[in-house]
Amino acid sequence: KPLARYRDDTDLDAMLKQREREDDPMLKYLSNKTSDTGDRTNNSNSAPAKPRYRGPDPQKNRFDIWPGHRWDGVDRSNGYEKKLFESIANRHAKSQEAYLWSVEDM
């Protein structure tokens, strides 16, 4: 590498981006976030972790929402989401079968 610095030097650009300046207005915001490399972490101001459900895996729902930490594992739904996922799977299988039937002669 040449000794002189040029405008399109990627190493210099990365070094200048990693430098933290005290008059930077985003420094406080970025210090709480984890960067791509993981070297900027500050967990002193973070809230305590919320309790999570730790039982057996629940049935998938259409919103991908994990159950609350007090859930006892009993499915009290009316079966709508189970029927919804079955109909989606049947529709996909039927379209796949129709596609395979249409390209069978090729």
PDB file of N, CA and C in Angstrom:
ATOM      1  N   LYS A   1       0.846  -1.190   0.000  1.00  0.00           N
ATOM      2  CA  LYS A   1       0.000   0.000   0.000  1.00  0.00           C
ATOM      3  C   LYS A   1       0.880   1.238   0.000  1.00  0.00           C
ATOM      4  N   PRO A   2       0.427   2.251  -0.687  1.00  0.00           N
ATOM      5  CA  PRO A   2       1.210   3.490  -0.675  1.00  0.00           C
ATOM      6  C   PRO A   2       1.100   4.183   0.680  1.00  0.00           C
ATOM      7  N   LEU A   3       2.089   5.001   0.972  1.00  0.00           N
ATOM      8  CA  LEU A   3       2.122   5.701   2.247  1.00  0.00           C
ATOM      9  C   LEU A   3       1.095   6.831   2.293  1.00  0.00           C
ATOM     10  N   ALA A   4       0.825   7.445   1.158  1.00  0.00           N
ATOM     11  CA  ALA A   4      -0.122   8.559   1.112  1.00  0.00           C
ATOM     12  C   ALA A   4      -1.554   8.046   1.255  1.00  0.00           C
ATOM     13  N   ARG A   5      -2.403   8.878   1.812  1.00  0.00           N
ATOM     14  CA  ARG A   5      -3.809   8.528   1.970  1.00  0.00           C
ATOM     15  C   ARG A   5      -4.602   9.105   0.810  1.00  0.00           C
ATOM     16  N   TYR A   6      -5.490   8.286   0.283  1.00  0.00           N
ATOM     17  CA  TYR A   6      -6.318   8.722  -0.827  1.00  0.00           C
ATOM     18  C   TYR A   6      -7.779   8.700  -0.415  1.00  0.00           C
ATOM     19  N   ARG A   7      -8.598   9.361  -1.219  1.00  0.00           N
ATOM     20  CA  ARG A   7     -10.010   9.498  -0.903  1.00  0.00           C
ATOM     21  C   ARG A   7     -10.739   8.151  -0.912  1.00  0.00           C
ATOM     22  N   ASP A   8     -10.357   7.240  -1.769  1.00  0.00           N
ATOM     23  CA  ASP A   8     -11.055   5.965  -1.887  1.00  0.00           C
ATOM     24  C   ASP A   8     -10.375   4.835  -1.117  1.00  0.00           C
ATOM     25  N   ASP A   9      -9.640   5.162  -0.071  1.00  0.00           N
ATOM     26  CA  ASP A   9      -8.958   4.160   0.745  1.00  0.00           C
ATOM     27  C   ASP A   9      -9.969   3.543   1.719  1.00  0.00           C
ATOM     28  N   THR A  10     -10.272   2.261   1.555  1.00  0.00           N
ATOM     29  CA  THR A  10     -11.298   1.617   2.386  1.00  0.00           C
ATOM     30  C   THR A  10     -10.817   1.385   3.816  1.00  0.00           C
ATOM     31  N   ASP A  11      -9.530   1.101   4.002  1.00  0.00           N
ATOM     32  CA  ASP A  11      -9.009   0.892   5.355  1.00  0.00           C
ATOM     33  C   ASP A  11      -9.075   2.173   6.174  1.00  0.00           C
ATOM     34  N   LEU A  12      -8.706   3.282   5.557  1.00  0.00           N
ATOM     35  CA  LEU A  12      -8.773   4.575   6.239  1.00  0.00           C
ATOM     36  C   LEU A  12     -10.223   4.922   6.566  1.00  0.00           C
ATOM     37  N   ASP A  13     -11.107   4.662   5.619  1.00  0.00           N
ATOM     38  CA  ASP A  13     -12.519   4.956   5.830  1.00  0.00           C
ATOM     39  C   ASP A  13     -13.078   4.150   7.003  1.00  0.00           C
ATOM     40  N   ALA A  14     -12.737   2.877   7.081  1.00  0.00           N
ATOM     41  CA  ALA A  14     -13.204   2.033   8.184  1.00  0.00           C
ATOM     42  C   ALA A  14     -12.628   2.497   9.513  1.00  0.00           C
ATOM     43  N   MET A  15     -11.357   2.899   9.519  1.00  0.00           N
ATOM     44  CA  MET A  15     -10.735   3.370  10.750  1.00  0.00           C
ATOM     45  C   MET A  15     -11.409   4.652  11.246  1.00  0.00           C
ATOM     46  N   LEU A  16     -11.703   5.574  10.327  1.00  0.00           N
ATOM     47  CA  LEU A  16     -12.341   6.824  10.721  1.00  0.00           C
ATOM     48  C   LEU A  16     -13.783   6.607  11.182  1.00  0.00           C
ATOM     49  N   LYS A  17     -14.461   5.627  10.619  1.00  0.00           N
ATOM     50  CA  LYS A  17     -15.833   5.347  11.052  1.00  0.00           C
ATOM     51  C   LYS A  17     -15.876   4.734  12.442  1.00  0.00           C
ATOM     52  N   GLN A  18     -14.858   3.963  12.819  1.00  0.00           N
ATOM     53  CA  GLN A  18     -14.840   3.323  14.133  1.00  0.00           C
ATOM     54  C   GLN A  18     -14.419   4.277  15.239  1.00  0.00           C
ATOM     55  N   ARG A  19     -13.801   5.379  14.901  1.00  0.00           N
ATOM     56  CA  ARG A  19     -13.335   6.322  15.907  1.00  0.00           C
ATOM     57  C   ARG A  19     -14.535   6.992  16.575  1.00  0.00           C
ATOM     58  N   GLU A  20     -14.527   7.043  17.895  1.00  0.00           N
ATOM     59  CA  GLU A  20     -15.613   7.685  18.639  1.00  0.00           C
ATOM     60  C   GLU A  20     -15.172   9.083  19.041  1.00  0.00           C
ATOM     61  N   ARG A  21     -16.010  10.061  18.724  1.00  0.00           N
ATOM     62  CA  ARG A  21     -15.723  11.460  19.042  1.00  0.00           C
ATOM     63  C   ARG A  21     -16.692  11.921  20.123  1.00  0.00           C
ATOM     64  N   GLU A  22     -16.217  12.748  21.048  1.00  0.00           N
ATOM     65  CA  GLU A  22     -17.101  13.115  22.156  1.00  0.00           C
ATOM     66  C   GLU A  22     -18.187  14.097  21.753  1.00  0.00           C
ATOM     67  N   ASP A  23     -18.059  14.841  20.666  1.00  0.00           N
ATOM     68  CA  ASP A  23     -19.116  15.753  20.239  1.00  0.00           C
ATOM     69  C   ASP A  23     -20.093  15.090  19.258  1.00  0.00           C
ATOM     70  N   ASP A  24     -20.031  13.774  19.151  1.00  0.00           N
ATOM     71  CA  ASP A  24     -20.912  13.030  18.262  1.00  0.00           C
ATOM     72  C   ASP A  24     -22.292  12.896  18.914  1.00  0.00           C
ATOM     73  N   PRO A  25     -23.365  13.410  18.282  1.00  0.00           N
ATOM     74  CA  PRO A  25     -24.691  13.320  18.897  1.00  0.00           C
ATOM     75  C   PRO A  25     -25.258  11.898  18.911  1.00  0.00           C
ATOM     76  N   MET A  26     -24.779  11.027  18.060  1.00  0.00           N
ATOM     77  CA  MET A  26     -25.286   9.660  18.001  1.00  0.00           C
ATOM     78  C   MET A  26     -24.481   8.695  18.861  1.00  0.00           C
ATOM     79  N   LEU A  27     -23.459   9.182  19.549  1.00  0.00           N
ATOM     80  CA  LEU A  27     -22.589   8.295  20.314  1.00  0.00           C
ATOM     81  C   LEU A  27     -23.345   7.585  21.433  1.00  0.00           C
ATOM     82  N   LYS A  28     -24.209   8.306  22.134  1.00  0.00           N
ATOM     83  CA  LYS A  28     -24.962   7.691  23.224  1.00  0.00           C
ATOM     84  C   LYS A  28     -25.919   6.629  22.690  1.00  0.00           C
ATOM     85  N   TYR A  29     -26.552   6.917  21.555  1.00  0.00           N
ATOM     86  CA  TYR A  29     -27.477   5.956  20.958  1.00  0.00           C
ATOM     87  C   TYR A  29     -26.743   4.718  20.474  1.00  0.00           C
ATOM     88  N   LEU A  30     -25.617   4.893  19.816  1.00  0.00           N
ATOM     89  CA  LEU A  30     -24.877   3.759  19.267  1.00  0.00           C
ATOM     90  C   LEU A  30     -24.149   2.974  20.334  1.00  0.00           C
ATOM     91  N   SER A  31     -23.855   3.591  21.464  1.00  0.00           N
ATOM     92  CA  SER A  31     -23.143   2.855  22.504  1.00  0.00           C
ATOM     93  C   SER A  31     -24.042   1.802  23.148  1.00  0.00           C
ATOM     94  N   ASN A  32     -25.365   1.975  23.081  1.00  0.00           N
ATOM     95  CA  ASN A  32     -26.283   0.983  23.631  1.00  0.00           C
ATOM     96  C   ASN A  32     -26.571  -0.141  22.651  1.00  0.00           C
ATOM     97  N   LYS A  33     -26.335   0.097  21.381  1.00  0.00           N
ATOM     98  CA  LYS A  33     -26.606  -0.905  20.360  1.00  0.00           C
ATOM     99  C   LYS A  33     -25.358  -1.734  20.116  1.00  0.00           C
ATOM    100  N   THR A  34     -25.556  -2.922  19.597  1.00  0.00           N
ATOM    101  CA  THR A  34     -24.439  -3.782  19.234  1.00  0.00           C
ATOM    102  C   THR A  34     -24.130  -3.548  17.769  1.00  0.00           C
ATOM    103  N   SER A  35     -22.895  -3.274  17.469  1.00  0.00           N
ATOM    104  CA  SER A  35     -22.515  -3.075  16.081  1.00  0.00           C
ATOM    105  C   SER A  35     -22.388  -4.415  15.388  1.00  0.00           C
ATOM    106  N   ASP A  36     -22.062  -4.383  14.111  1.00  0.00           N
ATOM    107  CA  ASP A  36     -21.947  -5.622  13.337  1.00  0.00           C
ATOM    108  C   ASP A  36     -20.848  -6.516  13.884  1.00  0.00           C
ATOM    109  N   THR A  37     -19.782  -5.909  14.411  1.00  0.00           N
ATOM    110  CA  THR A  37     -18.682  -6.713  14.927  1.00  0.00           C
ATOM    111  C   THR A  37     -18.897  -7.088  16.375  1.00  0.00           C
ATOM    112  N   GLY A  38     -19.806  -6.425  17.065  1.00  0.00           N
ATOM    113  CA  GLY A  38     -20.108  -6.776  18.437  1.00  0.00           C
ATOM    114  C   GLY A  38     -19.199  -6.118  19.458  1.00  0.00           C
ATOM    115  N   ASP A  39     -18.403  -5.134  19.043  1.00  0.00           N
ATOM    116  CA  ASP A  39     -17.477  -4.546  19.992  1.00  0.00           C
ATOM    117  C   ASP A  39     -18.070  -3.360  20.737  1.00  0.00           C
ATOM    118  N   ARG A  40     -19.209  -2.869  20.331  1.00  0.00           N
ATOM    119  CA  ARG A  40     -19.832  -1.751  21.030  1.00  0.00           C
ATOM    120  C   ARG A  40     -21.043  -2.249  21.792  1.00  0.00           C
ATOM    121  N   THR A  41     -20.864  -2.682  22.992  1.00  0.00           N
ATOM    122  CA  THR A  41     -21.999  -3.104  23.814  1.00  0.00           C
ATOM    123  C   THR A  41     -21.904  -2.410  25.158  1.00  0.00           C
ATOM    124  N   ASN A  42     -23.036  -1.914  25.599  1.00  0.00           N
ATOM    125  CA  ASN A  42     -23.103  -1.269  26.896  1.00  0.00           C
ATOM    126  C   ASN A  42     -24.413  -1.701  27.530  1.00  0.00           C
ATOM    127  N   ASN A  43     -24.368  -2.687  28.379  1.00  0.00           N
ATOM    128  CA  ASN A  43     -25.585  -3.234  28.968  1.00  0.00           C
ATOM    129  C   ASN A  43     -25.918  -2.608  30.314  1.00  0.00           C
ATOM    130  N   SER A  44     -25.219  -1.565  30.727  1.00  0.00           N
ATOM    131  CA  SER A  44     -25.476  -0.980  32.032  1.00  0.00           C
ATOM    132  C   SER A  44     -26.814  -0.247  32.065  1.00  0.00           C
ATOM    133  N   ASN A  45     -27.259   0.315  30.940  1.00  0.00           N
ATOM    134  CA  ASN A  45     -28.511   1.060  30.909  1.00  0.00           C
ATOM    135  C   ASN A  45     -29.680   0.218  30.427  1.00  0.00           C
ATOM    136  N   SER A  46     -29.447  -1.028  30.071  1.00  0.00           N
ATOM    137  CA  SER A  46     -30.523  -1.835  29.514  1.00  0.00           C
ATOM    138  C   SER A  46     -31.456  -2.321  30.626  1.00  0.00           C
ATOM    139  N   ALA A  47     -32.702  -2.525  30.236  1.00  0.00           N
ATOM    140  CA  ALA A  47     -33.707  -2.993  31.187  1.00  0.00           C
ATOM    141  C   ALA A  47     -33.479  -4.472  31.484  1.00  0.00           C
ATOM    142  N   PRO A  48     -33.936  -4.944  32.626  1.00  0.00           N
ATOM    143  CA  PRO A  48     -33.781  -6.377  32.915  1.00  0.00           C
ATOM    144  C   PRO A  48     -34.567  -7.205  31.902  1.00  0.00           C
ATOM    145  N   ALA A  49     -34.071  -8.379  31.621  1.00  0.00           N
ATOM    146  CA  ALA A  49     -34.701  -9.235  30.619  1.00  0.00           C
ATOM    147  C   ALA A  49     -36.073  -9.690  31.099  1.00  0.00           C
ATOM    148  N   LYS A  50     -37.028  -9.681  30.177  1.00  0.00           N
ATOM    149  CA  LYS A  50     -38.376 -10.129  30.515  1.00  0.00           C
ATOM    150  C   LYS A  50     -38.394 -11.651  30.568  1.00  0.00           C
ATOM    151  N   PRO A  51     -39.198 -12.225  31.459  1.00  0.00           N
ATOM    152  CA  PRO A  51     -39.268 -13.688  31.520  1.00  0.00           C
ATOM    153  C   PRO A  51     -39.906 -14.246  30.255  1.00  0.00           C
ATOM    154  N   ARG A  52     -39.413 -15.398  29.809  1.00  0.00           N
ATOM    155  CA  ARG A  52     -39.924 -16.049  28.608  1.00  0.00           C
ATOM    156  C   ARG A  52     -40.502 -17.407  28.949  1.00  0.00           C
ATOM    157  N   TYR A  53     -41.393 -17.879  28.093  1.00  0.00           N
ATOM    158  CA  TYR A  53     -41.977 -19.207  28.236  1.00  0.00           C
ATOM    159  C   TYR A  53     -40.895 -20.241  27.953  1.00  0.00           C
ATOM    160  N   ARG A  54     -40.738 -21.225  28.859  1.00  0.00           N
ATOM    161  CA  ARG A  54     -39.679 -22.214  28.710  1.00  0.00           C
ATOM    162  C   ARG A  54     -40.196 -23.642  28.620  1.00  0.00           C
ATOM    163  N   GLY A  55     -41.455 -23.816  28.292  1.00  0.00           N
ATOM    164  CA  GLY A  55     -42.018 -25.158  28.202  1.00  0.00           C
ATOM    165  C   GLY A  55     -41.800 -25.766  26.828  1.00  0.00           C
ATOM    166  N   PRO A  56     -42.572 -26.802  26.517  1.00  0.00           N
ATOM    167  CA  PRO A  56     -42.457 -27.406  25.185  1.00  0.00           C
ATOM    168  C   PRO A  56     -42.899 -26.415  24.109  1.00  0.00           C
ATOM    169  N   ASP A  57     -42.409 -26.624  22.900  1.00  0.00           N
ATOM    170  CA  ASP A  57     -42.719 -25.689  21.818  1.00  0.00           C
ATOM    171  C   ASP A  57     -44.220 -25.636  21.570  1.00  0.00           C
ATOM    172  N   PRO A  58     -44.785 -24.436  21.520  1.00  0.00           N
ATOM    173  CA  PRO A  58     -46.221 -24.311  21.268  1.00  0.00           C
ATOM    174  C   PRO A  58     -46.514 -24.486  19.782  1.00  0.00           C
ATOM    175  N   GLN A  59     -47.795 -24.648  19.456  1.00  0.00           N
ATOM    176  CA  GLN A  59     -48.181 -24.719  18.054  1.00  0.00           C
ATOM    177  C   GLN A  59     -47.922 -23.371  17.407  1.00  0.00           C
ATOM    178  N   LYS A  60     -47.577 -23.406  16.137  1.00  0.00           N
ATOM    179  CA  LYS A  60     -47.312 -22.170  15.412  1.00  0.00           C
ATOM    180  C   LYS A  60     -48.615 -21.401  15.240  1.00  0.00           C
ATOM    181  N   ASN A  61     -48.533 -20.079  15.392  1.00  0.00           N
ATOM    182  CA  ASN A  61     -49.705 -19.266  15.124  1.00  0.00           C
ATOM    183  C   ASN A  61     -49.413 -18.349  13.937  1.00  0.00           C
ATOM    184  N   ARG A  62     -50.443 -17.713  13.409  1.00  0.00           N
ATOM    185  CA  ARG A  62     -50.271 -16.950  12.170  1.00  0.00           C
ATOM    186  C   ARG A  62     -49.466 -15.680  12.364  1.00  0.00           C
ATOM    187  N   PHE A  63     -49.235 -15.243  13.588  1.00  0.00           N
ATOM    188  CA  PHE A  63     -48.471 -14.028  13.833  1.00  0.00           C
ATOM    189  C   PHE A  63     -47.078 -14.314  14.373  1.00  0.00           C
ATOM    190  N   ASP A  64     -46.721 -15.572  14.567  1.00  0.00           N
ATOM    191  CA  ASP A  64     -45.431 -15.983  15.141  1.00  0.00           C
ATOM    192  C   ASP A  64     -45.169 -15.329  16.491  1.00  0.00           C
ATOM    193  N   ILE A  65     -46.203 -15.264  17.311  1.00  0.00           N
ATOM    194  CA  ILE A  65     -46.075 -14.689  18.648  1.00  0.00           C
ATOM    195  C   ILE A  65     -45.789 -15.812  19.632  1.00  0.00           C
ATOM    196  N   TRP A  66     -44.755 -15.644  20.425  1.00  0.00           N
ATOM    197  CA  TRP A  66     -44.399 -16.634  21.436  1.00  0.00           C
ATOM    198  C   TRP A  66     -45.335 -16.456  22.627  1.00  0.00           C
ATOM    199  N   PRO A  67     -45.757 -17.525  23.298  1.00  0.00           N
ATOM    200  CA  PRO A  67     -46.678 -17.381  24.428  1.00  0.00           C
ATOM    201  C   PRO A  67     -46.016 -16.686  25.615  1.00  0.00           C
ATOM    202  N   GLY A  68     -46.837 -16.157  26.500  1.00  0.00           N
ATOM    203  CA  GLY A  68     -46.338 -15.494  27.691  1.00  0.00           C
ATOM    204  C   GLY A  68     -45.702 -16.473  28.666  1.00  0.00           C
ATOM    205  N   HIS A  69     -44.952 -15.944  29.614  1.00  0.00           N
ATOM    206  CA  HIS A  69     -44.194 -16.810  30.521  1.00  0.00           C
ATOM    207  C   HIS A  69     -45.086 -17.551  31.514  1.00  0.00           C
ATOM    208  N   ARG A  70     -46.336 -17.139  31.650  1.00  0.00           N
ATOM    209  CA  ARG A  70     -47.238 -17.819  32.581  1.00  0.00           C
ATOM    210  C   ARG A  70     -48.135 -18.847  31.898  1.00  0.00           C
ATOM    211  N   TRP A  71     -47.965 -19.081  30.609  1.00  0.00           N
ATOM    212  CA  TRP A  71     -48.824 -20.014  29.881  1.00  0.00           C
ATOM    213  C   TRP A  71     -48.574 -21.431  30.357  1.00  0.00           C
ATOM    214  N   ASP A  72     -49.645 -22.202  30.557  1.00  0.00           N
ATOM    215  CA  ASP A  72     -49.508 -23.552  31.100  1.00  0.00           C
ATOM    216  C   ASP A  72     -49.386 -24.625  30.026  1.00  0.00           C
ATOM    217  N   GLY A  73     -49.395 -24.266  28.756  1.00  0.00           N
ATOM    218  CA  GLY A  73     -49.195 -25.228  27.680  1.00  0.00           C
ATOM    219  C   GLY A  73     -50.462 -25.840  27.137  1.00  0.00           C
ATOM    220  N   VAL A  74     -51.617 -25.437  27.635  1.00  0.00           N
ATOM    221  CA  VAL A  74     -52.886 -25.993  27.175  1.00  0.00           C
ATOM    222  C   VAL A  74     -53.409 -25.132  26.030  1.00  0.00           C
ATOM    223  N   ASP A  75     -53.718 -25.779  24.895  1.00  0.00           N
ATOM    224  CA  ASP A  75     -54.235 -25.061  23.731  1.00  0.00           C
ATOM    225  C   ASP A  75     -55.737 -24.866  23.901  1.00  0.00           C
ATOM    226  N   ARG A  76     -56.159 -23.635  24.115  1.00  0.00           N
ATOM    227  CA  ARG A  76     -57.571 -23.334  24.343  1.00  0.00           C
ATOM    228  C   ARG A  76     -58.213 -22.657  23.133  1.00  0.00           C
ATOM    229  N   SER A  77     -57.629 -22.815  21.967  1.00  0.00           N
ATOM    230  CA  SER A  77     -58.176 -22.164  20.781  1.00  0.00           C
ATOM    231  C   SER A  77     -59.354 -22.963  20.233  1.00  0.00           C
ATOM    232  N   ASN A  78     -60.045 -22.358  19.261  1.00  0.00           N
ATOM    233  CA  ASN A  78     -61.168 -23.051  18.636  1.00  0.00           C
ATOM    234  C   ASN A  78     -60.733 -23.827  17.403  1.00  0.00           C
ATOM    235  N   GLY A  79     -59.438 -23.895  17.119  1.00  0.00           N
ATOM    236  CA  GLY A  79     -58.922 -24.677  16.007  1.00  0.00           C
ATOM    237  C   GLY A  79     -58.828 -23.926  14.697  1.00  0.00           C
ATOM    238  N   TYR A  80     -59.098 -22.612  14.713  1.00  0.00           N
ATOM    239  CA  TYR A  80     -59.082 -21.837  13.477  1.00  0.00           C
ATOM    240  C   TYR A  80     -57.700 -21.819  12.837  1.00  0.00           C
ATOM    241  N   GLU A  81     -56.679 -21.561  13.628  1.00  0.00           N
ATOM    242  CA  GLU A  81     -55.342 -21.442  13.055  1.00  0.00           C
ATOM    243  C   GLU A  81     -54.835 -22.784  12.545  1.00  0.00           C
ATOM    244  N   LYS A  82     -55.204 -23.860  13.196  1.00  0.00           N
ATOM    245  CA  LYS A  82     -54.819 -25.190  12.713  1.00  0.00           C
ATOM    246  C   LYS A  82     -55.454 -25.448  11.350  1.00  0.00           C
ATOM    247  N   LYS A  83     -56.751 -25.099  11.217  1.00  0.00           N
ATOM    248  CA  LYS A  83     -57.433 -25.253   9.931  1.00  0.00           C
ATOM    249  C   LYS A  83     -56.828 -24.330   8.877  1.00  0.00           C
ATOM    250  N   LEU A  84     -56.438 -23.136   9.291  1.00  0.00           N
ATOM    251  CA  LEU A  84     -55.831 -22.188   8.360  1.00  0.00           C
ATOM    252  C   LEU A  84     -54.527 -22.739   7.801  1.00  0.00           C
ATOM    253  N   PHE A  85     -53.667 -23.252   8.665  1.00  0.00           N
ATOM    254  CA  PHE A  85     -52.395 -23.808   8.200  1.00  0.00           C
ATOM    255  C   PHE A  85     -52.605 -25.056   7.347  1.00  0.00           C
ATOM    256  N   GLU A  86     -53.602 -25.865   7.679  1.00  0.00           N
ATOM    257  CA  GLU A  86     -53.904 -27.034   6.851  1.00  0.00           C
ATOM    258  C   GLU A  86     -54.367 -26.613   5.463  1.00  0.00           C
ATOM    259  N   SER A  87     -55.219 -25.590   5.387  1.00  0.00           N
ATOM    260  CA  SER A  87     -55.709 -25.148   4.078  1.00  0.00           C
ATOM    261  C   SER A  87     -54.581 -24.536   3.250  1.00  0.00           C
ATOM    262  N   ILE A  88     -53.676 -23.819   3.892  1.00  0.00           N
ATOM    263  CA  ILE A  88     -52.527 -23.259   3.169  1.00  0.00           C
ATOM    264  C   ILE A  88     -51.644 -24.379   2.636  1.00  0.00           C
ATOM    265  N   ALA A  89     -51.405 -25.389   3.460  1.00  0.00           N
ATOM    266  CA  ALA A  89     -50.578 -26.521   3.029  1.00  0.00           C
ATOM    267  C   ALA A  89     -51.257 -27.291   1.901  1.00  0.00           C
ATOM    268  N   ASN A  90     -52.577 -27.503   2.003  1.00  0.00           N
ATOM    269  CA  ASN A  90     -53.304 -28.203   0.943  1.00  0.00           C
ATOM    270  C   ASN A  90     -53.277 -27.416  -0.359  1.00  0.00           C
ATOM    271  N   ARG A  91     -53.457 -26.103  -0.258  1.00  0.00           N
ATOM    272  CA  ARG A  91     -53.429 -25.258  -1.444  1.00  0.00           C
ATOM    273  C   ARG A  91     -52.061 -25.318  -2.121  1.00  0.00           C
ATOM    274  N   HIS A  92     -51.008 -25.280  -1.312  1.00  0.00           N
ATOM    275  CA  HIS A  92     -49.649 -25.351  -1.857  1.00  0.00           C
ATOM    276  C   HIS A  92     -49.396 -26.714  -2.503  1.00  0.00           C
ATOM    277  N   ALA A  93     -49.832 -27.783  -1.854  1.00  0.00           N
ATOM    278  CA  ALA A  93     -49.638 -29.125  -2.409  1.00  0.00           C
ATOM    279  C   ALA A  93     -50.418 -29.292  -3.710  1.00  0.00           C
ATOM    280  N   LYS A  94     -51.639 -28.741  -3.748  1.00  0.00           N
ATOM    281  CA  LYS A  94     -52.452 -28.850  -4.956  1.00  0.00           C
ATOM    282  C   LYS A  94     -51.825 -28.071  -6.108  1.00  0.00           C
ATOM    283  N   SER A  95     -51.303 -26.885  -5.831  1.00  0.00           N
ATOM    284  CA  SER A  95     -50.655 -26.108  -6.892  1.00  0.00           C
ATOM    285  C   SER A  95     -49.367 -26.786  -7.357  1.00  0.00           C
ATOM    286  N   GLN A  96     -48.645 -27.391  -6.437  1.00  0.00           N
ATOM    287  CA  GLN A  96     -47.422 -28.123  -6.798  1.00  0.00           C
ATOM    288  C   GLN A  96     -47.770 -29.328  -7.674  1.00  0.00           C
ATOM    289  N   GLU A  97     -48.836 -30.036  -7.322  1.00  0.00           N
ATOM    290  CA  GLU A  97     -49.269 -31.187  -8.111  1.00  0.00           C
ATOM    291  C   GLU A  97     -49.736 -30.754  -9.499  1.00  0.00           C
ATOM    292  N   ALA A  98     -50.441 -29.624  -9.576  1.00  0.00           N
ATOM    293  CA  ALA A  98     -50.890 -29.111 -10.873  1.00  0.00           C
ATOM    294  C   ALA A  98     -49.697 -28.714 -11.735  1.00  0.00           C
ATOM    295  N   TYR A  99     -48.699 -28.126 -11.129  1.00  0.00           N
ATOM    296  CA  TYR A  99     -47.499 -27.750 -11.878  1.00  0.00           C
ATOM    297  C   TYR A  99     -46.785 -28.990 -12.401  1.00  0.00           C
ATOM    298  N   LEU A 100     -46.629 -29.998 -11.544  1.00  0.00           N
ATOM    299  CA  LEU A 100     -45.957 -31.225 -11.978  1.00  0.00           C
ATOM    300  C   LEU A 100     -46.749 -31.925 -13.086  1.00  0.00           C
ATOM    301  N   TRP A 101     -48.076 -31.869 -13.012  1.00  0.00           N
ATOM    302  CA  TRP A 101     -48.902 -32.466 -14.050  1.00  0.00           C
ATOM    303  C   TRP A 101     -48.754 -31.702 -15.361  1.00  0.00           C
ATOM    304  N   SER A 102     -48.620 -30.360 -15.282  1.00  0.00           N
ATOM    305  CA  SER A 102     -48.530 -29.551 -16.500  1.00  0.00           C
ATOM    306  C   SER A 102     -47.187 -29.707 -17.205  1.00  0.00           C
ATOM    307  N   VAL A 103     -46.126 -30.005 -16.483  1.00  0.00           N
ATOM    308  CA  VAL A 103     -44.805 -30.144 -17.113  1.00  0.00           C
ATOM    309  C   VAL A 103     -44.417 -31.604 -17.303  1.00  0.00           C
ATOM    310  N   GLU A 104     -45.358 -32.500 -17.130  1.00  0.00           N
ATOM    311  CA  GLU A 104     -45.064 -33.926 -17.228  1.00  0.00           C
ATOM    312  C   GLU A 104     -44.644 -34.327 -18.638  1.00  0.00           C
ATOM    313  N   ASP A 105     -45.215 -33.712 -19.661  1.00  0.00           N
ATOM    314  CA  ASP A 105     -44.930 -34.085 -21.044  1.00  0.00           C
ATOM    315  C   ASP A 105     -43.607 -33.530 -21.548  1.00  0.00           C
ATOM    316  N   MET A 106     -43.045 -32.589 -20.887  1.00  0.00           N
ATOM    317  CA  MET A 106     -41.846 -31.922 -21.396  1.00  0.00           C
ATOM    318  C   MET A 106     -40.649 -32.758 -21.327  1.00  0.00           C
TER     319      MET A 106
END
